[in-house]
Amino acid sequence: MTRYDYRQSAFERLLGRRPRIALDRRLWPSFAAVAAAVLLVAMVTGAETRRIAILDGDLATFADRIARADRDAARDRRAIAAVEHDRLIADALLGARRDTAVATNAIARIGNRLPARTWLTSVRTDPGGAWSIAGRSTQIERIGATLAAIAALDRGATTALVSIAASGRTGHTLDFTIAWEPAR
């Protein structure tokens, strides 16, 4: 069995004789004010720390939104560029169709105004809209009539006889070339 000694030791007796630390009653209001100030600073610090954490979260959210907006803007720029490219292609096709219709109509009008015994052998156009009309005729007067007929198609057009040459075995056929630049 274990025995316990309930008598106080010398150390315990020494502690018991020491005077207790006591605050003067006049210092209690100052002590309370310091304690309240420390508590208030701790509360404000905690609140501000929480507010900073919330603002950091908001900042991260806005950074994500900005990144998404940048990606969306880049995608939009690519889509706009694709639409512009498609419009250019569509305009080019529409222009080609319109130019083909204009060219076909012009060739038909020229053919309808040709004098007798005058034939077209080739009609060429360049990207600038100028035409080169080659043909054959049996008389020089008919070539002049062809030149006048082409000039009458478009009053503002510039027409000129570029070349005329006799061809064939007997030299009775005349090859000619007329330049025609329609008015713009």
C-alpha atoms as a PDB file:
ATOM      1  CA  MET A   1       0.000   0.000   0.000  1.00  0.00           C
ATOM      2  CA  THR A   2       1.160   3.455  -0.748  1.00  0.00           C
ATOM      3  CA  ARG A   3       1.448   6.030   1.897  1.00  0.00           C
ATOM      4  CA  TYR A   4       0.946   9.674   1.281  1.00  0.00           C
ATOM      5  CA  ASP A   5       2.518  12.409   3.323  1.00  0.00           C
ATOM      6  CA  TYR A   6       0.028  15.189   3.755  1.00  0.00           C
ATOM      7  CA  ARG A   7       2.329  17.535   5.482  1.00  0.00           C
ATOM      8  CA  GLN A   8       3.443  20.614   3.581  1.00  0.00           C
ATOM      9  CA  SER A   9       6.946  20.661   2.253  1.00  0.00           C
ATOM     10  CA  ALA A  10       9.327  23.508   2.919  1.00  0.00           C
ATOM     11  CA  PHE A  11       8.845  24.720  -0.659  1.00  0.00           C
ATOM     12  CA  GLU A  12       5.115  24.867  -0.267  1.00  0.00           C
ATOM     13  CA  ARG A  13       5.490  26.696   3.002  1.00  0.00           C
ATOM     14  CA  LEU A  14       7.810  29.212   1.282  1.00  0.00           C
ATOM     15  CA  LEU A  15       5.227  29.857  -1.404  1.00  0.00           C
ATOM     16  CA  GLY A  16       2.549  30.269   1.121  1.00  0.00           C
ATOM     17  CA  ARG A  17       4.453  33.050   2.869  1.00  0.00           C
ATOM     18  CA  ARG A  18       5.065  35.114  -0.243  1.00  0.00           C
ATOM     19  CA  PRO A  19       2.762  38.028  -0.614  1.00  0.00           C
ATOM     20  CA  ARG A  20       0.301  37.868  -3.452  1.00  0.00           C
ATOM     21  CA  ILE A  21       0.544  40.375  -6.232  1.00  0.00           C
ATOM     22  CA  ALA A  22      -2.348  42.715  -6.042  1.00  0.00           C
ATOM     23  CA  LEU A  23      -3.324  45.602  -8.251  1.00  0.00           C
ATOM     24  CA  ASP A  24      -4.031  48.890  -6.752  1.00  0.00           C
ATOM     25  CA  ARG A  25      -7.701  49.713  -7.155  1.00  0.00           C
ATOM     26  CA  ARG A  26      -6.777  52.942  -8.869  1.00  0.00           C
ATOM     27  CA  LEU A  27      -5.189  50.961 -11.744  1.00  0.00           C
ATOM     28  CA  TRP A  28      -8.274  48.854 -12.506  1.00  0.00           C
ATOM     29  CA  PRO A  29      -9.860  51.390 -14.923  1.00  0.00           C
ATOM     30  CA  SER A  30      -6.576  51.717 -16.873  1.00  0.00           C
ATOM     31  CA  PHE A  31      -6.154  47.949 -16.965  1.00  0.00           C
ATOM     32  CA  ALA A  32      -9.749  47.535 -18.198  1.00  0.00           C
ATOM     33  CA  ALA A  33      -9.220  50.212 -20.870  1.00  0.00           C
ATOM     34  CA  VAL A  34      -6.036  48.498 -22.148  1.00  0.00           C
ATOM     35  CA  ALA A  35      -7.782  45.130 -22.179  1.00  0.00           C
ATOM     36  CA  ALA A  36     -10.761  46.623 -24.061  1.00  0.00           C
ATOM     37  CA  ALA A  37      -8.402  48.282 -26.570  1.00  0.00           C
ATOM     38  CA  VAL A  38      -6.546  45.002 -27.172  1.00  0.00           C
ATOM     39  CA  LEU A  39      -9.863  43.185 -27.615  1.00  0.00           C
ATOM     40  CA  LEU A  40     -11.106  45.879 -30.025  1.00  0.00           C
ATOM     41  CA  VAL A  41      -7.885  45.739 -32.076  1.00  0.00           C
ATOM     42  CA  ALA A  42      -8.166  41.946 -32.232  1.00  0.00           C
ATOM     43  CA  MET A  43     -11.779  42.168 -33.426  1.00  0.00           C
ATOM     44  CA  VAL A  44     -11.002  44.841 -36.042  1.00  0.00           C
ATOM     45  CA  THR A  45      -7.984  42.867 -37.252  1.00  0.00           C
ATOM     46  CA  GLY A  46     -10.113  39.735 -37.609  1.00  0.00           C
ATOM     47  CA  ALA A  47     -12.839  41.631 -39.458  1.00  0.00           C
ATOM     48  CA  GLU A  48     -10.330  43.247 -41.819  1.00  0.00           C
ATOM     49  CA  THR A  49      -8.597  39.919 -42.402  1.00  0.00           C
ATOM     50  CA  ARG A  50     -11.950  38.386 -43.329  1.00  0.00           C
ATOM     51  CA  ARG A  51     -12.757  41.376 -45.588  1.00  0.00           C
ATOM     52  CA  ILE A  52      -9.377  41.008 -47.332  1.00  0.00           C
ATOM     53  CA  ALA A  53     -10.056  37.299 -47.863  1.00  0.00           C
ATOM     54  CA  ILE A  54     -13.447  38.154 -49.419  1.00  0.00           C
ATOM     55  CA  LEU A  55     -11.840  40.792 -51.661  1.00  0.00           C
ATOM     56  CA  ASP A  56      -9.171  38.269 -52.720  1.00  0.00           C
ATOM     57  CA  GLY A  57     -11.972  35.882 -53.719  1.00  0.00           C
ATOM     58  CA  ASP A  58     -13.722  38.659 -55.649  1.00  0.00           C
ATOM     59  CA  LEU A  59     -10.437  39.537 -57.353  1.00  0.00           C
ATOM     60  CA  ALA A  60      -9.954  35.915 -58.413  1.00  0.00           C
ATOM     61  CA  THR A  61     -13.535  35.842 -59.751  1.00  0.00           C
ATOM     62  CA  PHE A  62     -12.981  39.028 -61.750  1.00  0.00           C
ATOM     63  CA  ALA A  63      -9.661  37.709 -63.070  1.00  0.00           C
ATOM     64  CA  ASP A  64     -11.491  34.585 -64.305  1.00  0.00           C
ATOM     65  CA  ARG A  65     -14.164  36.751 -65.933  1.00  0.00           C
ATOM     66  CA  ILE A  66     -11.520  38.865 -67.651  1.00  0.00           C
ATOM     67  CA  ALA A  67      -9.727  35.756 -68.902  1.00  0.00           C
ATOM     68  CA  ARG A  68     -13.019  34.374 -70.247  1.00  0.00           C
ATOM     69  CA  ALA A  69     -13.825  37.744 -71.848  1.00  0.00           C
ATOM     70  CA  ASP A  70     -10.402  37.770 -73.526  1.00  0.00           C
ATOM     71  CA  ARG A  71     -10.984  34.256 -74.867  1.00  0.00           C
ATOM     72  CA  ASP A  72     -14.466  35.250 -76.035  1.00  0.00           C
ATOM     73  CA  ALA A  73     -13.094  38.415 -77.674  1.00  0.00           C
ATOM     74  CA  ALA A  74     -10.447  36.388 -79.503  1.00  0.00           C
ATOM     75  CA  ARG A  75     -13.120  33.922 -80.657  1.00  0.00           C
ATOM     76  CA  ASP A  76     -15.305  36.846 -81.771  1.00  0.00           C
ATOM     77  CA  ARG A  77     -12.411  38.398 -83.709  1.00  0.00           C
ATOM     78  CA  ARG A  78     -11.825  35.068 -85.467  1.00  0.00           C
ATOM     79  CA  ALA A  79     -15.544  34.786 -86.283  1.00  0.00           C
ATOM     80  CA  ILE A  80     -15.646  38.369 -87.613  1.00  0.00           C
ATOM     81  CA  ALA A  81     -12.580  37.692 -89.765  1.00  0.00           C
ATOM     82  CA  ALA A  82     -14.221  34.521 -91.109  1.00  0.00           C
ATOM     83  CA  VAL A  83     -17.433  36.420 -91.898  1.00  0.00           C
ATOM     84  CA  GLU A  84     -15.475  39.172 -93.655  1.00  0.00           C
ATOM     85  CA  HIS A  85     -13.588  36.534 -95.658  1.00  0.00           C
ATOM     86  CA  ASP A  86     -16.874  34.855 -96.612  1.00  0.00           C
ATOM     87  CA  ARG A  87     -18.344  38.244 -97.611  1.00  0.00           C
ATOM     88  CA  LEU A  88     -15.336  38.942 -99.823  1.00  0.00           C
ATOM     89  CA  ILE A  89     -15.790  35.575-101.512  1.00  0.00           C
ATOM     90  CA  ALA A  90     -19.526  36.166-101.916  1.00  0.00           C
ATOM     91  CA  ASP A  91     -18.895  39.657-103.338  1.00  0.00           C
ATOM     92  CA  ALA A  92     -16.303  38.253-105.749  1.00  0.00           C
ATOM     93  CA  LEU A  93     -18.746  35.560-106.900  1.00  0.00           C
ATOM     94  CA  LEU A  94     -21.537  38.101-107.277  1.00  0.00           C
ATOM     95  CA  GLY A  95     -19.183  40.403-109.196  1.00  0.00           C
ATOM     96  CA  ALA A  96     -18.101  37.545-111.451  1.00  0.00           C
ATOM     97  CA  ARG A  97     -21.722  36.654-112.139  1.00  0.00           C
ATOM     98  CA  ARG A  98     -22.587  40.278-112.823  1.00  0.00           C
ATOM     99  CA  ASP A  99     -19.491  40.762-115.022  1.00  0.00           C
ATOM    100  CA  THR A 100     -20.267  37.566-116.919  1.00  0.00           C
ATOM    101  CA  ALA A 101     -23.819  38.744-117.535  1.00  0.00           C
ATOM    102  CA  VAL A 102     -22.553  42.166-118.648  1.00  0.00           C
ATOM    103  CA  ALA A 103     -19.952  40.581-120.934  1.00  0.00           C
ATOM    104  CA  THR A 104     -22.475  38.176-122.430  1.00  0.00           C
ATOM    105  CA  ASN A 105     -24.938  40.995-123.062  1.00  0.00           C
ATOM    106  CA  ALA A 106     -22.239  43.192-124.590  1.00  0.00           C
ATOM    107  CA  ILE A 107     -21.108  40.410-126.926  1.00  0.00           C
ATOM    108  CA  ALA A 108     -24.727  39.773-127.948  1.00  0.00           C
ATOM    109  CA  ARG A 109     -25.325  43.494-128.606  1.00  0.00           C
ATOM    110  CA  ILE A 110     -22.135  43.714-130.676  1.00  0.00           C
ATOM    111  CA  GLY A 111     -23.127  40.588-132.631  1.00  0.00           C
ATOM    112  CA  ASN A 112     -26.594  41.988-133.281  1.00  0.00           C
ATOM    113  CA  ARG A 113     -25.144  45.209-134.747  1.00  0.00           C
ATOM    114  CA  LEU A 114     -22.603  43.633-137.077  1.00  0.00           C
ATOM    115  CA  PRO A 115     -23.051  44.542-140.742  1.00  0.00           C
ATOM    116  CA  ALA A 116     -23.543  41.793-143.330  1.00  0.00           C
ATOM    117  CA  ARG A 117     -20.473  39.723-144.202  1.00  0.00           C
ATOM    118  CA  THR A 118     -18.689  40.725-140.977  1.00  0.00           C
ATOM    119  CA  TRP A 119     -17.841  38.149-138.311  1.00  0.00           C
ATOM    120  CA  LEU A 120     -16.372  38.238-134.813  1.00  0.00           C
ATOM    121  CA  THR A 121     -13.478  35.845-134.299  1.00  0.00           C
ATOM    122  CA  SER A 122     -12.613  36.638-130.667  1.00  0.00           C
ATOM    123  CA  VAL A 123     -13.657  38.884-127.841  1.00  0.00           C
ATOM    124  CA  ARG A 124     -11.356  39.400-124.875  1.00  0.00           C
ATOM    125  CA  THR A 125     -11.595  41.509-121.767  1.00  0.00           C
ATOM    126  CA  ASP A 126      -9.027  42.419-119.142  1.00  0.00           C
ATOM    127  CA  PRO A 127      -9.589  42.889-115.389  1.00  0.00           C
ATOM    128  CA  GLY A 128      -9.741  46.666-115.905  1.00  0.00           C
ATOM    129  CA  GLY A 129     -12.826  46.317-118.116  1.00  0.00           C
ATOM    130  CA  ALA A 130     -11.210  47.093-121.480  1.00  0.00           C
ATOM    131  CA  TRP A 131     -12.207  44.917-124.436  1.00  0.00           C
ATOM    132  CA  SER A 132     -10.354  43.677-127.487  1.00  0.00           C
ATOM    133  CA  ILE A 133     -12.670  42.665-130.333  1.00  0.00           C
ATOM    134  CA  ALA A 134     -11.224  40.808-133.299  1.00  0.00           C
ATOM    135  CA  GLY A 135     -13.097  39.890-136.461  1.00  0.00           C
ATOM    136  CA  ARG A 136     -13.155  39.513-140.239  1.00  0.00           C
ATOM    137  CA  SER A 137     -14.968  41.318-142.976  1.00  0.00           C
ATOM    138  CA  THR A 138     -14.955  41.504-146.742  1.00  0.00           C
ATOM    139  CA  GLN A 139     -15.021  45.304-147.041  1.00  0.00           C
ATOM    140  CA  ILE A 140     -13.291  48.084-145.153  1.00  0.00           C
ATOM    141  CA  GLU A 141     -16.542  50.093-145.004  1.00  0.00           C
ATOM    142  CA  ARG A 142     -18.121  47.281-143.011  1.00  0.00           C
ATOM    143  CA  ILE A 143     -15.261  47.416-140.503  1.00  0.00           C
ATOM    144  CA  GLY A 144     -15.967  51.140-140.108  1.00  0.00           C
ATOM    145  CA  ALA A 145     -19.669  50.373-139.614  1.00  0.00           C
ATOM    146  CA  THR A 146     -18.714  47.785-136.963  1.00  0.00           C
ATOM    147  CA  LEU A 147     -16.557  50.377-135.193  1.00  0.00           C
ATOM    148  CA  ALA A 148     -19.451  52.877-135.265  1.00  0.00           C
ATOM    149  CA  ALA A 149     -21.904  50.221-134.001  1.00  0.00           C
ATOM    150  CA  ILE A 150     -19.632  49.356-131.071  1.00  0.00           C
ATOM    151  CA  ALA A 151     -19.182  53.051-130.223  1.00  0.00           C
ATOM    152  CA  ALA A 152     -22.981  53.508-130.320  1.00  0.00           C
ATOM    153  CA  LEU A 153     -23.454  50.816-127.653  1.00  0.00           C
ATOM    154  CA  ASP A 154     -22.006  53.108-124.983  1.00  0.00           C
ATOM    155  CA  ARG A 155     -21.841  56.861-125.702  1.00  0.00           C
ATOM    156  CA  GLY A 156     -19.078  57.458-123.116  1.00  0.00           C
ATOM    157  CA  ALA A 157     -16.956  54.550-124.317  1.00  0.00           C
ATOM    158  CA  THR A 158     -13.656  54.906-126.080  1.00  0.00           C
ATOM    159  CA  THR A 159     -13.334  52.858-129.274  1.00  0.00           C
ATOM    160  CA  ALA A 160     -10.384  52.646-131.607  1.00  0.00           C
ATOM    161  CA  LEU A 161      -9.365  50.573-134.599  1.00  0.00           C
ATOM    162  CA  VAL A 162      -6.150  48.901-133.467  1.00  0.00           C
ATOM    163  CA  SER A 163      -5.219  46.934-136.572  1.00  0.00           C
ATOM    164  CA  ILE A 164      -6.444  45.912-139.990  1.00  0.00           C
ATOM    165  CA  ALA A 165      -4.764  43.419-142.319  1.00  0.00           C
ATOM    166  CA  ALA A 166      -5.613  41.522-145.490  1.00  0.00           C
ATOM    167  CA  SER A 167      -5.671  37.752-145.118  1.00  0.00           C
ATOM    168  CA  GLY A 168      -6.670  34.637-146.960  1.00  0.00           C
ATOM    169  CA  ARG A 169      -5.342  33.267-150.260  1.00  0.00           C
ATOM    170  CA  THR A 170      -6.729  36.018-152.392  1.00  0.00           C
ATOM    171  CA  GLY A 171      -6.373  38.824-149.841  1.00  0.00           C
ATOM    172  CA  HIS A 172     -10.057  39.671-150.066  1.00  0.00           C
ATOM    173  CA  THR A 173     -10.697  39.024-146.354  1.00  0.00           C
ATOM    174  CA  LEU A 174      -9.741  41.730-143.873  1.00  0.00           C
ATOM    175  CA  ASP A 175      -8.818  40.858-140.281  1.00  0.00           C
ATOM    176  CA  PHE A 176      -9.373  43.679-137.806  1.00  0.00           C
ATOM    177  CA  THR A 177      -8.983  44.400-134.098  1.00  0.00           C
ATOM    178  CA  ILE A 178     -10.995  47.045-132.248  1.00  0.00           C
ATOM    179  CA  ALA A 179     -10.209  48.282-128.730  1.00  0.00           C
ATOM    180  CA  TRP A 180     -13.264  49.198-126.655  1.00  0.00           C
ATOM    181  CA  GLU A 181     -13.127  50.673-123.180  1.00  0.00           C
ATOM    182  CA  PRO A 182     -16.631  51.146-121.762  1.00  0.00           C
ATOM    183  CA  ALA A 183     -17.453  54.298-119.786  1.00  0.00           C
ATOM    184  CA  ARG A 184     -17.265  53.921-116.020  1.00  0.00           C
END
